[in-house]
Amino acid sequence: YEVRLKNASRADALAVGDASHRVYVRDVLFYGATCCGAGPSTSSLTSQDLRVLRSRFLFAPKEGVRVKTTKQTKRGGTPYAAFVNNTVEFSEGALMYKGTGATIRGNYLAFNSFEARGSYTLDNMAQRSVVTDNTLFYNGDKGGHFSWARGHRVRRNLVIGQDFLGPRFDAAVFHALTGAQDDLVIERNWVLGPSLVSFARLDTASSTPPEDAGRYTTIKHNVHVGLGLTTKGYNHTVEHNTGSRFLQVEAWKVITNHNYATVARFNAHSEVASRASTAAHGAIPGLAALNLCDDLRVCNPDNATAPASLARQLRPLTNGVTAELVAGAWPGVDTSGVGEGAAAFNEAG
């Protein structure tokens, strides 16, 4: 099906209002038009189960695509919504969704929001949504996905050139407010520049006291090149990430012990730093060990006190690998038949 815009005042070709249940929009080409209106106008008349599937939006107006099941603005439960396997291209706005447990999967959003420069390509007022397998390509919004409330799962997304040629810095591809960091998972994403915003940012307001700081976000197995990572709050887990700058804040505004009990391990970053570090060499706070960076004293302050079981992994390197590996004596690696001969270098490392 094809829907073309002829009257600018009717840009929403389909508007989902009060108590509109099980509305599925499938296989529609919206040309200069969009879906699905501002959502219900009465707080008590929510719409149950709104889904937009396998549709294409070209030249959508500045409101972008709106998928909302409620008028309410709250961080509690709201009805389900889904935006799956759609394409949004060359539009003035991208996507805004509202619905607890929403599914945002398999979408392609490219070259949007250059006219108005919106806040986020995947904007929302939702919690516990699953944002996975999407491609965001050179969009003009300052951020990618906005974590407004807790529990989002952001996995296996490819993001290139977010906020392309944009002037803003205080933003991120994956941006989480203080209250949205609880149970947030950001994993297995590829995020590449050119971009002047961060890859991920765990934020804290300047007036937030320690007891209200964000906690328990997991960031792991991501590749972020040309964009940095910033963490504030407590009890986060940052592991197995590869990319550019990693900033782990220790003190900022009201809070003087950010990242207490944060675990940062097995990461490889071109530059690692801490804001207002009180540790030797400006090392990052929390438990940080077994990381690779430009200054190992900064990203591995806990190596010296690591468990005995890790001792051999932390010894000084010989020819780029551990001495045990050069000698072929590391039980964890099968070096049989590799680098044979007394003078040979064991290439298993």
C-alpha atoms as a PDB file:
ATOM      1  CA  TYR A   1       0.000   0.000   0.000  1.00  0.00           C
ATOM      2  CA  GLU A   2       1.139   3.538  -0.737  1.00  0.00           C
ATOM      3  CA  VAL A   3       0.104   6.677   1.109  1.00  0.00           C
ATOM      4  CA  ARG A   4       1.078  10.060  -0.339  1.00  0.00           C
ATOM      5  CA  LEU A   5       0.774  13.439   1.378  1.00  0.00           C
ATOM      6  CA  LYS A   6      -1.294  16.016  -0.476  1.00  0.00           C
ATOM      7  CA  ASN A   7      -2.312  18.231   2.450  1.00  0.00           C
ATOM      8  CA  ALA A   8       0.356  19.209   4.971  1.00  0.00           C
ATOM      9  CA  SER A   9      -2.249  19.491   7.735  1.00  0.00           C
ATOM     10  CA  ARG A  10      -2.957  15.795   7.316  1.00  0.00           C
ATOM     11  CA  ALA A  11       0.590  14.493   7.571  1.00  0.00           C
ATOM     12  CA  ASP A  12      -0.530  11.686   9.895  1.00  0.00           C
ATOM     13  CA  ALA A  13      -2.169   9.378   7.390  1.00  0.00           C
ATOM     14  CA  LEU A  14      -3.222   7.187  10.294  1.00  0.00           C
ATOM     15  CA  ALA A  15      -3.872   8.489  13.803  1.00  0.00           C
ATOM     16  CA  VAL A  16      -4.325   6.097  16.707  1.00  0.00           C
ATOM     17  CA  GLY A  17      -6.442   7.738  19.395  1.00  0.00           C
ATOM     18  CA  ASP A  18      -8.256   6.744  22.569  1.00  0.00           C
ATOM     19  CA  ALA A  19      -8.850   3.055  23.301  1.00  0.00           C
ATOM     20  CA  SER A  20      -7.672   1.840  19.899  1.00  0.00           C
ATOM     21  CA  HIS A  21      -6.673  -1.770  20.502  1.00  0.00           C
ATOM     22  CA  ARG A  22      -4.559  -4.205  18.482  1.00  0.00           C
ATOM     23  CA  VAL A  23      -3.807  -1.851  15.607  1.00  0.00           C
ATOM     24  CA  TYR A  24      -1.213  -3.366  13.241  1.00  0.00           C
ATOM     25  CA  VAL A  25       0.186  -1.238  10.400  1.00  0.00           C
ATOM     26  CA  ARG A  26       1.904  -3.527   7.880  1.00  0.00           C
ATOM     27  CA  ASP A  27       3.658  -3.120   4.522  1.00  0.00           C
ATOM     28  CA  VAL A  28       2.747   0.513   3.911  1.00  0.00           C
ATOM     29  CA  LEU A  29       4.811   3.096   2.000  1.00  0.00           C
ATOM     30  CA  PHE A  30       4.364   6.531   3.550  1.00  0.00           C
ATOM     31  CA  TYR A  31       5.558   9.098   1.015  1.00  0.00           C
ATOM     32  CA  GLY A  32       5.736  12.510   2.664  1.00  0.00           C
ATOM     33  CA  ALA A  33       3.279  11.226   5.259  1.00  0.00           C
ATOM     34  CA  THR A  34       3.636   9.490   8.602  1.00  0.00           C
ATOM     35  CA  CYS A  35       1.954   7.464  11.330  1.00  0.00           C
ATOM     36  CA  CYS A  36       0.398   7.238  13.991  1.00  0.00           C
ATOM     37  CA  GLY A  37      -0.570  10.591  15.514  1.00  0.00           C
ATOM     38  CA  ALA A  38      -0.050  12.016  18.980  1.00  0.00           C
ATOM     39  CA  GLY A  39      -1.630   8.982  20.634  1.00  0.00           C
ATOM     40  CA  PRO A  40      -4.535   8.838  23.098  1.00  0.00           C
ATOM     41  CA  SER A  41      -5.768  12.198  24.396  1.00  0.00           C
ATOM     42  CA  THR A  42      -7.438  10.830  27.540  1.00  0.00           C
ATOM     43  CA  SER A  43      -5.244   9.386  30.304  1.00  0.00           C
ATOM     44  CA  SER A  44      -7.701   6.629  31.204  1.00  0.00           C
ATOM     45  CA  LEU A  45      -8.282   5.502  27.599  1.00  0.00           C
ATOM     46  CA  THR A  46      -5.008   3.830  26.659  1.00  0.00           C
ATOM     47  CA  SER A  47      -4.542   1.919  23.418  1.00  0.00           C
ATOM     48  CA  GLN A  48      -3.474  -1.704  23.747  1.00  0.00           C
ATOM     49  CA  ASP A  49      -0.904  -3.247  21.405  1.00  0.00           C
ATOM     50  CA  LEU A  50       0.094  -0.846  18.630  1.00  0.00           C
ATOM     51  CA  ARG A  51       2.513  -2.230  16.017  1.00  0.00           C
ATOM     52  CA  VAL A  52       4.130  -0.763  12.912  1.00  0.00           C
ATOM     53  CA  LEU A  53       5.692  -3.508  10.787  1.00  0.00           C
ATOM     54  CA  ARG A  54       7.614  -3.725   7.488  1.00  0.00           C
ATOM     55  CA  SER A  55       6.694  -0.198   6.406  1.00  0.00           C
ATOM     56  CA  ARG A  56       8.716   2.557   4.766  1.00  0.00           C
ATOM     57  CA  PHE A  57       8.697   6.265   5.553  1.00  0.00           C
ATOM     58  CA  LEU A  58      10.187   8.673   3.008  1.00  0.00           C
ATOM     59  CA  PHE A  59      10.301  12.438   3.633  1.00  0.00           C
ATOM     60  CA  ALA A  60       8.228  12.256   6.807  1.00  0.00           C
ATOM     61  CA  PRO A  61       7.422  15.625   8.434  1.00  0.00           C
ATOM     62  CA  LYS A  62       9.214  17.055  11.466  1.00  0.00           C
ATOM     63  CA  GLU A  63       7.127  15.084  13.977  1.00  0.00           C
ATOM     64  CA  GLY A  64       8.570  11.889  12.517  1.00  0.00           C
ATOM     65  CA  VAL A  65       6.948   8.553  13.252  1.00  0.00           C
ATOM     66  CA  ARG A  66       5.055   8.455  16.546  1.00  0.00           C
ATOM     67  CA  VAL A  67       4.074   5.161  18.151  1.00  0.00           C
ATOM     68  CA  LYS A  68       2.290   5.911  21.430  1.00  0.00           C
ATOM     69  CA  THR A  69      -0.184   3.870  23.442  1.00  0.00           C
ATOM     70  CA  THR A  70      -0.929   6.350  26.217  1.00  0.00           C
ATOM     71  CA  LYS A  71      -1.165  10.018  27.088  1.00  0.00           C
ATOM     72  CA  GLN A  72       0.368   9.378  30.503  1.00  0.00           C
ATOM     73  CA  THR A  73       3.891  10.491  31.272  1.00  0.00           C
ATOM     74  CA  LYS A  74       5.120   8.087  33.935  1.00  0.00           C
ATOM     75  CA  ARG A  75       7.837   5.557  34.515  1.00  0.00           C
ATOM     76  CA  GLY A  76       5.415   2.815  35.450  1.00  0.00           C
ATOM     77  CA  GLY A  77       3.630   0.329  33.221  1.00  0.00           C
ATOM     78  CA  THR A  78       1.989   1.425  29.975  1.00  0.00           C
ATOM     79  CA  PRO A  79       0.599  -0.644  27.088  1.00  0.00           C
ATOM     80  CA  TYR A  80       2.836  -2.406  24.577  1.00  0.00           C
ATOM     81  CA  ALA A  81       4.052  -0.952  21.268  1.00  0.00           C
ATOM     82  CA  ALA A  82       6.322  -2.266  18.511  1.00  0.00           C
ATOM     83  CA  PHE A  83       8.275  -0.808  15.593  1.00  0.00           C
ATOM     84  CA  VAL A  84       9.803  -3.692  13.643  1.00  0.00           C
ATOM     85  CA  ASN A  85      11.570  -4.032  10.261  1.00  0.00           C
ATOM     86  CA  ASN A  86      10.744  -0.540   9.057  1.00  0.00           C
ATOM     87  CA  THR A  87      12.713   2.024   7.050  1.00  0.00           C
ATOM     88  CA  VAL A  88      12.782   5.754   7.810  1.00  0.00           C
ATOM     89  CA  GLU A  89      14.791   7.843   5.339  1.00  0.00           C
ATOM     90  CA  PHE A  90      15.339  11.498   4.456  1.00  0.00           C
ATOM     91  CA  SER A  91      12.743  12.629   6.959  1.00  0.00           C
ATOM     92  CA  GLU A  92      12.578  15.777   9.075  1.00  0.00           C
ATOM     93  CA  GLY A  93      12.104  13.640  12.204  1.00  0.00           C
ATOM     94  CA  ALA A  94      12.767  10.018  13.137  1.00  0.00           C
ATOM     95  CA  LEU A  95      10.949   7.937  15.784  1.00  0.00           C
ATOM     96  CA  MET A  96       9.179   8.664  19.068  1.00  0.00           C
ATOM     97  CA  TYR A  97       7.679   5.734  20.967  1.00  0.00           C
ATOM     98  CA  LYS A  98       5.900   5.256  24.282  1.00  0.00           C
ATOM     99  CA  GLY A  99       5.032   1.845  25.699  1.00  0.00           C
ATOM    100  CA  THR A 100       6.426  -0.459  28.394  1.00  0.00           C
ATOM    101  CA  GLY A 101       8.361  -3.417  27.011  1.00  0.00           C
ATOM    102  CA  ALA A 102       8.278  -1.964  23.502  1.00  0.00           C
ATOM    103  CA  THR A 103      10.083  -3.814  20.720  1.00  0.00           C
ATOM    104  CA  ILE A 104      12.253  -1.684  18.418  1.00  0.00           C
ATOM    105  CA  ARG A 105      13.922  -4.228  16.137  1.00  0.00           C
ATOM    106  CA  GLY A 106      15.423  -4.572  12.693  1.00  0.00           C
ATOM    107  CA  ASN A 107      14.807  -0.993  11.542  1.00  0.00           C
ATOM    108  CA  TYR A 108      16.896   1.114   9.156  1.00  0.00           C
ATOM    109  CA  LEU A 109      16.971   4.854   9.861  1.00  0.00           C
ATOM    110  CA  ALA A 110      19.172   6.955   7.585  1.00  0.00           C
ATOM    111  CA  PHE A 111      19.747  10.630   6.735  1.00  0.00           C
ATOM    112  CA  ASN A 112      16.969  11.924   8.982  1.00  0.00           C
ATOM    113  CA  SER A 113      16.606  15.072  11.109  1.00  0.00           C
ATOM    114  CA  PHE A 114      18.941  17.423   9.277  1.00  0.00           C
ATOM    115  CA  GLU A 115      16.267  20.055   8.828  1.00  0.00           C
ATOM    116  CA  ALA A 116      15.277  20.323  12.503  1.00  0.00           C
ATOM    117  CA  ARG A 117      18.133  18.476  14.326  1.00  0.00           C
ATOM    118  CA  GLY A 118      16.048  16.544  16.835  1.00  0.00           C
ATOM    119  CA  SER A 119      17.122  15.239  20.227  1.00  0.00           C
ATOM    120  CA  TYR A 120      17.231  11.479  19.560  1.00  0.00           C
ATOM    121  CA  THR A 121      16.753   9.228  16.560  1.00  0.00           C
ATOM    122  CA  LEU A 122      15.038   6.641  18.782  1.00  0.00           C
ATOM    123  CA  ASP A 123      13.343   8.979  21.248  1.00  0.00           C
ATOM    124  CA  ASN A 124      10.972   7.573  23.834  1.00  0.00           C
ATOM    125  CA  MET A 125       9.145   7.796  27.121  1.00  0.00           C
ATOM    126  CA  ALA A 126       9.230   4.117  27.956  1.00  0.00           C
ATOM    127  CA  GLN A 127      10.847   1.507  30.162  1.00  0.00           C
ATOM    128  CA  ARG A 128      12.169  -2.015  29.584  1.00  0.00           C
ATOM    129  CA  SER A 129      12.096  -1.758  25.810  1.00  0.00           C
ATOM    130  CA  VAL A 130      14.149  -4.091  23.633  1.00  0.00           C
ATOM    131  CA  VAL A 131      16.159  -2.113  21.073  1.00  0.00           C
ATOM    132  CA  THR A 132      18.018  -4.582  18.905  1.00  0.00           C
ATOM    133  CA  ASP A 133      19.408  -5.166  15.399  1.00  0.00           C
ATOM    134  CA  ASN A 134      18.738  -1.631  14.175  1.00  0.00           C
ATOM    135  CA  THR A 135      20.896   0.416  11.792  1.00  0.00           C
ATOM    136  CA  LEU A 136      21.245   4.165  12.324  1.00  0.00           C
ATOM    137  CA  PHE A 137      23.155   5.751   9.461  1.00  0.00           C
ATOM    138  CA  TYR A 138      24.174   9.423   9.390  1.00  0.00           C
ATOM    139  CA  ASN A 139      21.202  10.852  11.263  1.00  0.00           C
ATOM    140  CA  GLY A 140      21.223  14.490  12.373  1.00  0.00           C
ATOM    141  CA  ASP A 141      19.747  13.983  15.843  1.00  0.00           C
ATOM    142  CA  LYS A 142      22.209  14.720  18.651  1.00  0.00           C
ATOM    143  CA  GLY A 143      21.684  11.251  20.184  1.00  0.00           C
ATOM    144  CA  GLY A 144      20.744   7.750  19.118  1.00  0.00           C
ATOM    145  CA  HIS A 145      18.643   5.971  21.759  1.00  0.00           C
ATOM    146  CA  PHE A 146      17.400   7.763  24.862  1.00  0.00           C
ATOM    147  CA  SER A 147      17.027   5.790  28.093  1.00  0.00           C
ATOM    148  CA  TRP A 148      14.304   7.748  29.876  1.00  0.00           C
ATOM    149  CA  ALA A 149      13.339   5.024  32.367  1.00  0.00           C
ATOM    150  CA  ARG A 150      14.903   1.813  33.641  1.00  0.00           C
ATOM    151  CA  GLY A 151      15.476  -1.590  32.181  1.00  0.00           C
ATOM    152  CA  HIS A 152      16.188  -1.055  28.470  1.00  0.00           C
ATOM    153  CA  ARG A 153      18.035  -3.744  26.522  1.00  0.00           C
ATOM    154  CA  VAL A 154      20.109  -2.174  23.742  1.00  0.00           C
ATOM    155  CA  ARG A 155      21.803  -4.901  21.704  1.00  0.00           C
ATOM    156  CA  ARG A 156      23.446  -5.548  18.338  1.00  0.00           C
ATOM    157  CA  ASN A 157      22.799  -2.140  16.789  1.00  0.00           C
ATOM    158  CA  LEU A 158      24.998  -0.538  14.129  1.00  0.00           C
ATOM    159  CA  VAL A 159      25.310   3.236  14.403  1.00  0.00           C
ATOM    160  CA  ILE A 160      27.449   5.315  12.030  1.00  0.00           C
ATOM    161  CA  GLY A 161      27.899   9.090  11.946  1.00  0.00           C
ATOM    162  CA  GLN A 162      25.371  10.060  14.635  1.00  0.00           C
ATOM    163  CA  ASP A 163      24.778  13.833  14.796  1.00  0.00           C
ATOM    164  CA  PHE A 164      26.786  14.099  11.600  1.00  0.00           C
ATOM    165  CA  LEU A 165      28.302  17.573  11.240  1.00  0.00           C
ATOM    166  CA  GLY A 166      26.391  18.610  14.338  1.00  0.00           C
ATOM    167  CA  PRO A 167      27.643  21.224  16.801  1.00  0.00           C
ATOM    168  CA  ARG A 168      26.610  19.528  20.045  1.00  0.00           C
ATOM    169  CA  PHE A 169      28.894  17.601  22.399  1.00  0.00           C
ATOM    170  CA  ASP A 170      26.844  16.983  25.570  1.00  0.00           C
ATOM    171  CA  ALA A 171      25.032  13.976  24.142  1.00  0.00           C
ATOM    172  CA  ALA A 172      25.545  10.320  23.288  1.00  0.00           C
ATOM    173  CA  VAL A 173      24.464   7.583  20.926  1.00  0.00           C
ATOM    174  CA  PHE A 174      23.193   5.718  24.007  1.00  0.00           C
ATOM    175  CA  HIS A 175      22.256   8.258  26.681  1.00  0.00           C
ATOM    176  CA  ALA A 176      20.827   7.280  30.075  1.00  0.00           C
ATOM    177  CA  LEU A 177      19.351   9.606  32.658  1.00  0.00           C
ATOM    178  CA  THR A 178      20.048   8.974  36.342  1.00  0.00           C
ATOM    179  CA  GLY A 179      16.856   7.031  36.983  1.00  0.00           C
ATOM    180  CA  ALA A 180      17.206   5.053  33.752  1.00  0.00           C
ATOM    181  CA  GLN A 181      20.505   3.387  34.597  1.00  0.00           C
ATOM    182  CA  ASP A 182      19.015   0.679  36.811  1.00  0.00           C
ATOM    183  CA  ASP A 183      19.140  -2.632  34.901  1.00  0.00           C
ATOM    184  CA  LEU A 184      20.146  -0.946  31.619  1.00  0.00           C
ATOM    185  CA  VAL A 185      22.140  -3.253  29.315  1.00  0.00           C
ATOM    186  CA  ILE A 186      24.169  -1.935  26.364  1.00  0.00           C
ATOM    187  CA  GLU A 187      25.913  -4.803  24.620  1.00  0.00           C
ATOM    188  CA  ARG A 188      27.329  -6.020  21.304  1.00  0.00           C
ATOM    189  CA  ASN A 189      26.777  -2.747  19.468  1.00  0.00           C
ATOM    190  CA  TRP A 190      29.061  -1.282  16.788  1.00  0.00           C
ATOM    191  CA  VAL A 191      29.192   2.504  16.958  1.00  0.00           C
ATOM    192  CA  LEU A 192      31.467   4.363  14.547  1.00  0.00           C
ATOM    193  CA  GLY A 193      32.240   7.999  13.767  1.00  0.00           C
ATOM    194  CA  PRO A 194      32.596  10.554  12.430  1.00  0.00           C
ATOM    195  CA  SER A 195      30.759  12.084  15.369  1.00  0.00           C
ATOM    196  CA  LEU A 196      31.294  14.681  18.078  1.00  0.00           C
ATOM    197  CA  VAL A 197      29.048  12.964  20.640  1.00  0.00           C
ATOM    198  CA  SER A 198      29.813  10.042  22.949  1.00  0.00           C
ATOM    199  CA  PHE A 199      29.172   6.357  22.367  1.00  0.00           C
ATOM    200  CA  ALA A 200      27.476   5.911  25.768  1.00  0.00           C
ATOM    201  CA  ARG A 201      26.875   8.331  28.615  1.00  0.00           C
ATOM    202  CA  LEU A 202      25.620   7.469  32.088  1.00  0.00           C
ATOM    203  CA  ASP A 203      24.512  10.871  33.267  1.00  0.00           C
ATOM    204  CA  THR A 204      23.937  12.552  36.612  1.00  0.00           C
ATOM    205  CA  ALA A 205      22.323  15.924  37.271  1.00  0.00           C
ATOM    206  CA  SER A 206      24.469  18.521  39.006  1.00  0.00           C
ATOM    207  CA  SER A 207      22.164  18.475  42.055  1.00  0.00           C
ATOM    208  CA  THR A 208      21.868  14.683  42.399  1.00  0.00           C
ATOM    209  CA  PRO A 209      22.950  13.444  45.871  1.00  0.00           C
ATOM    210  CA  PRO A 210      24.832  10.130  46.270  1.00  0.00           C
ATOM    211  CA  GLU A 211      21.768   8.215  47.429  1.00  0.00           C
ATOM    212  CA  ASP A 212      19.953   9.047  44.185  1.00  0.00           C
ATOM    213  CA  ALA A 213      22.805   8.369  41.762  1.00  0.00           C
ATOM    214  CA  GLY A 214      22.349   5.940  38.901  1.00  0.00           C
ATOM    215  CA  ARG A 215      23.348   2.308  39.457  1.00  0.00           C
ATOM    216  CA  TYR A 216      23.659  -1.130  37.922  1.00  0.00           C
ATOM    217  CA  THR A 217      24.181  -0.491  34.210  1.00  0.00           C
ATOM    218  CA  THR A 218      26.001  -3.142  32.172  1.00  0.00           C
ATOM    219  CA  ILE A 219      28.081  -2.095  29.153  1.00  0.00           C
ATOM    220  CA  LYS A 220      29.873  -4.991  27.489  1.00  0.00           C
ATOM    221  CA  HIS A 221      31.152  -6.414  24.189  1.00  0.00           C
ATOM    222  CA  ASN A 222      30.776  -3.129  22.295  1.00  0.00           C
ATOM    223  CA  VAL A 223      33.007  -1.610  19.607  1.00  0.00           C
ATOM    224  CA  HIS A 224      33.065   2.187  19.579  1.00  0.00           C
ATOM    225  CA  VAL A 225      35.575   3.913  17.328  1.00  0.00           C
ATOM    226  CA  GLY A 226      35.736   7.691  17.201  1.00  0.00           C
ATOM    227  CA  LEU A 227      33.313   8.098  20.107  1.00  0.00           C
ATOM    228  CA  GLY A 228      34.037   7.929  23.827  1.00  0.00           C
ATOM    229  CA  LEU A 229      32.382   6.356  26.864  1.00  0.00           C
ATOM    230  CA  THR A 230      31.521   8.232  30.082  1.00  0.00           C
ATOM    231  CA  THR A 231      30.314   6.671  33.334  1.00  0.00           C
ATOM    232  CA  LYS A 232      28.931   8.320  36.468  1.00  0.00           C
ATOM    233  CA  GLY A 233      27.047   6.715  39.327  1.00  0.00           C
ATOM    234  CA  TYR A 234      27.751   3.465  41.190  1.00  0.00           C
ATOM    235  CA  ASN A 235      27.934  -0.311  40.745  1.00  0.00           C
ATOM    236  CA  HIS A 236      28.235  -0.358  36.960  1.00  0.00           C
ATOM    237  CA  THR A 237      29.848  -3.156  34.948  1.00  0.00           C
ATOM    238  CA  VAL A 238      32.029  -2.212  31.960  1.00  0.00           C
ATOM    239  CA  GLU A 239      33.687  -5.233  30.354  1.00  0.00           C
ATOM    240  CA  HIS A 240      35.024  -6.470  27.000  1.00  0.00           C
ATOM    241  CA  ASN A 241      34.629  -3.154  25.149  1.00  0.00           C
ATOM    242  CA  THR A 242      36.974  -1.926  22.431  1.00  0.00           C
ATOM    243  CA  GLY A 243      37.209   1.642  21.266  1.00  0.00           C
ATOM    244  CA  SER A 244      38.298   5.203  21.798  1.00  0.00           C
ATOM    245  CA  ARG A 245      38.325   7.324  24.960  1.00  0.00           C
ATOM    246  CA  PHE A 246      36.955   5.930  28.239  1.00  0.00           C
ATOM    247  CA  LEU A 247      36.219   8.490  30.975  1.00  0.00           C
ATOM    248  CA  GLN A 248      35.324   7.070  34.388  1.00  0.00           C
ATOM    249  CA  VAL A 249      34.376   9.984  36.644  1.00  0.00           C
ATOM    250  CA  GLU A 250      35.301  10.005  40.331  1.00  0.00           C
ATOM    251  CA  ALA A 251      34.061  13.406  41.497  1.00  0.00           C
ATOM    252  CA  TRP A 252      31.581  15.791  39.900  1.00  0.00           C
ATOM    253  CA  LYS A 253      29.311  18.362  41.561  1.00  0.00           C
ATOM    254  CA  VAL A 254      27.615  16.925  44.688  1.00  0.00           C
ATOM    255  CA  ILE A 255      29.028  13.396  44.405  1.00  0.00           C
ATOM    256  CA  THR A 256      32.685  12.835  45.281  1.00  0.00           C
ATOM    257  CA  ASN A 257      32.877   9.036  44.925  1.00  0.00           C
ATOM    258  CA  HIS A 258      31.360   8.246  41.541  1.00  0.00           C
ATOM    259  CA  ASN A 259      31.926   4.689  40.311  1.00  0.00           C
ATOM    260  CA  TYR A 260      32.347   3.231  43.765  1.00  0.00           C
ATOM    261  CA  ALA A 261      31.977  -0.538  43.218  1.00  0.00           C
ATOM    262  CA  THR A 262      32.025  -0.124  39.435  1.00  0.00           C
ATOM    263  CA  VAL A 263      33.841  -2.998  37.717  1.00  0.00           C
ATOM    264  CA  ALA A 264      35.893  -2.213  34.588  1.00  0.00           C
ATOM    265  CA  ARG A 265      37.757  -5.205  33.163  1.00  0.00           C
ATOM    266  CA  PHE A 266      38.920  -6.702  29.875  1.00  0.00           C
ATOM    267  CA  ASN A 267      38.519  -3.442  27.941  1.00  0.00           C
ATOM    268  CA  ALA A 268      40.803  -1.998  25.258  1.00  0.00           C
ATOM    269  CA  HIS A 269      40.701   1.771  24.770  1.00  0.00           C
ATOM    270  CA  SER A 270      43.085   4.152  23.055  1.00  0.00           C
ATOM    271  CA  GLU A 271      42.818   6.594  25.971  1.00  0.00           C
ATOM    272  CA  VAL A 272      41.517   6.155  29.524  1.00  0.00           C
ATOM    273  CA  ALA A 273      41.088   8.946  32.071  1.00  0.00           C
ATOM    274  CA  SER A 274      39.263   9.857  35.264  1.00  0.00           C
ATOM    275  CA  ARG A 275      37.768  13.197  36.229  1.00  0.00           C
ATOM    276  CA  ALA A 276      39.005  14.386  39.659  1.00  0.00           C
ATOM    277  CA  SER A 277      40.815  11.137  40.431  1.00  0.00           C
ATOM    278  CA  THR A 278      42.305  10.807  43.919  1.00  0.00           C
ATOM    279  CA  ALA A 279      44.316   7.700  43.029  1.00  0.00           C
ATOM    280  CA  ALA A 280      47.968   7.525  42.064  1.00  0.00           C
ATOM    281  CA  HIS A 281      48.726   8.381  38.430  1.00  0.00           C
ATOM    282  CA  GLY A 282      45.149   9.625  38.014  1.00  0.00           C
ATOM    283  CA  ALA A 283      43.827   6.062  37.910  1.00  0.00           C
ATOM    284  CA  ILE A 284      40.151   5.397  37.358  1.00  0.00           C
ATOM    285  CA  PRO A 285      37.986   4.548  40.386  1.00  0.00           C
ATOM    286  CA  GLY A 286      36.256   1.260  41.184  1.00  0.00           C
ATOM    287  CA  LEU A 287      37.671  -2.188  40.508  1.00  0.00           C
ATOM    288  CA  ALA A 288      39.676  -1.808  37.308  1.00  0.00           C
ATOM    289  CA  ALA A 289      42.004  -4.550  36.083  1.00  0.00           C
ATOM    290  CA  LEU A 290      43.094  -6.461  32.980  1.00  0.00           C
ATOM    291  CA  ASN A 291      42.423  -3.509  30.687  1.00  0.00           C
ATOM    292  CA  LEU A 292      44.519  -2.284  27.762  1.00  0.00           C
ATOM    293  CA  CYS A 293      45.052   1.459  27.303  1.00  0.00           C
ATOM    294  CA  ASP A 294      47.647   4.147  26.617  1.00  0.00           C
ATOM    295  CA  ASP A 295      48.793   4.187  30.280  1.00  0.00           C
ATOM    296  CA  LEU A 296      48.297   0.908  32.123  1.00  0.00           C
ATOM    297  CA  ARG A 297      48.707   2.635  35.488  1.00  0.00           C
ATOM    298  CA  VAL A 298      45.513   4.563  34.795  1.00  0.00           C
ATOM    299  CA  CYS A 299      43.290   1.754  33.535  1.00  0.00           C
ATOM    300  CA  ASN A 300      44.660  -1.079  35.725  1.00  0.00           C
ATOM    301  CA  PRO A 301      45.056   0.238  39.285  1.00  0.00           C
ATOM    302  CA  ASP A 302      43.896  -3.067  40.779  1.00  0.00           C
ATOM    303  CA  ASN A 303      46.349  -5.331  38.971  1.00  0.00           C
ATOM    304  CA  ALA A 304      48.767  -5.160  41.923  1.00  0.00           C
ATOM    305  CA  THR A 305      46.138  -6.571  44.268  1.00  0.00           C
ATOM    306  CA  ALA A 306      44.464  -8.994  41.884  1.00  0.00           C
ATOM    307  CA  PRO A 307      43.724 -12.570  42.975  1.00  0.00           C
ATOM    308  CA  ALA A 308      46.659 -14.968  42.920  1.00  0.00           C
ATOM    309  CA  SER A 309      44.995 -16.947  40.158  1.00  0.00           C
ATOM    310  CA  LEU A 310      45.577 -14.006  37.810  1.00  0.00           C
ATOM    311  CA  ALA A 311      49.225 -13.500  38.698  1.00  0.00           C
ATOM    312  CA  ARG A 312      50.735 -14.939  35.553  1.00  0.00           C
ATOM    313  CA  GLN A 313      48.478 -12.838  33.327  1.00  0.00           C
ATOM    314  CA  LEU A 314      49.713  -9.679  34.991  1.00  0.00           C
ATOM    315  CA  ARG A 315      53.480 -10.223  34.900  1.00  0.00           C
ATOM    316  CA  PRO A 316      55.611  -7.953  32.699  1.00  0.00           C
ATOM    317  CA  LEU A 317      55.516  -8.862  29.042  1.00  0.00           C
ATOM    318  CA  THR A 318      58.415 -10.431  27.160  1.00  0.00           C
ATOM    319  CA  ASN A 319      58.459  -9.782  23.429  1.00  0.00           C
ATOM    320  CA  GLY A 320      54.843  -8.699  23.665  1.00  0.00           C
ATOM    321  CA  VAL A 321      53.471 -11.733  25.492  1.00  0.00           C
ATOM    322  CA  THR A 322      53.788 -13.260  28.933  1.00  0.00           C
ATOM    323  CA  ALA A 323      56.989 -15.114  29.757  1.00  0.00           C
ATOM    324  CA  GLU A 324      55.088 -18.350  30.291  1.00  0.00           C
ATOM    325  CA  LEU A 325      53.649 -18.193  26.795  1.00  0.00           C
ATOM    326  CA  VAL A 326      57.050 -17.577  25.227  1.00  0.00           C
ATOM    327  CA  ALA A 327      58.293 -20.691  27.009  1.00  0.00           C
ATOM    328  CA  GLY A 328      55.252 -22.673  25.970  1.00  0.00           C
ATOM    329  CA  ALA A 329      54.375 -23.286  29.619  1.00  0.00           C
ATOM    330  CA  TRP A 330      50.929 -21.721  29.841  1.00  0.00           C
ATOM    331  CA  PRO A 331      48.436 -24.588  30.343  1.00  0.00           C
ATOM    332  CA  GLY A 332      45.561 -22.453  29.155  1.00  0.00           C
ATOM    333  CA  VAL A 333      46.916 -22.290  25.588  1.00  0.00           C
ATOM    334  CA  ASP A 334      47.803 -25.222  23.355  1.00  0.00           C
ATOM    335  CA  THR A 335      51.216 -24.305  21.956  1.00  0.00           C
ATOM    336  CA  SER A 336      52.096 -27.714  20.597  1.00  0.00           C
ATOM    337  CA  GLY A 337      53.764 -27.490  17.211  1.00  0.00           C
ATOM    338  CA  VAL A 338      53.877 -23.694  17.235  1.00  0.00           C
ATOM    339  CA  GLY A 339      57.185 -21.829  17.263  1.00  0.00           C
ATOM    340  CA  GLU A 340      59.237 -25.004  17.411  1.00  0.00           C
ATOM    341  CA  GLY A 341      62.981 -24.778  17.978  1.00  0.00           C
ATOM    342  CA  ALA A 342      65.025 -23.281  20.765  1.00  0.00           C
ATOM    343  CA  ALA A 343      65.349 -19.844  19.153  1.00  0.00           C
ATOM    344  CA  ALA A 344      61.846 -19.696  17.710  1.00  0.00           C
ATOM    345  CA  PHE A 345      59.301 -17.141  18.943  1.00  0.00           C
ATOM    346  CA  ASN A 346      56.056 -18.702  20.051  1.00  0.00           C
ATOM    347  CA  GLU A 347      53.515 -17.065  17.779  1.00  0.00           C
ATOM    348  CA  ALA A 348      50.543 -18.271  19.777  1.00  0.00           C
ATOM    349  CA  GLY A 349      50.630 -14.880  21.507  1.00  0.00           C
END
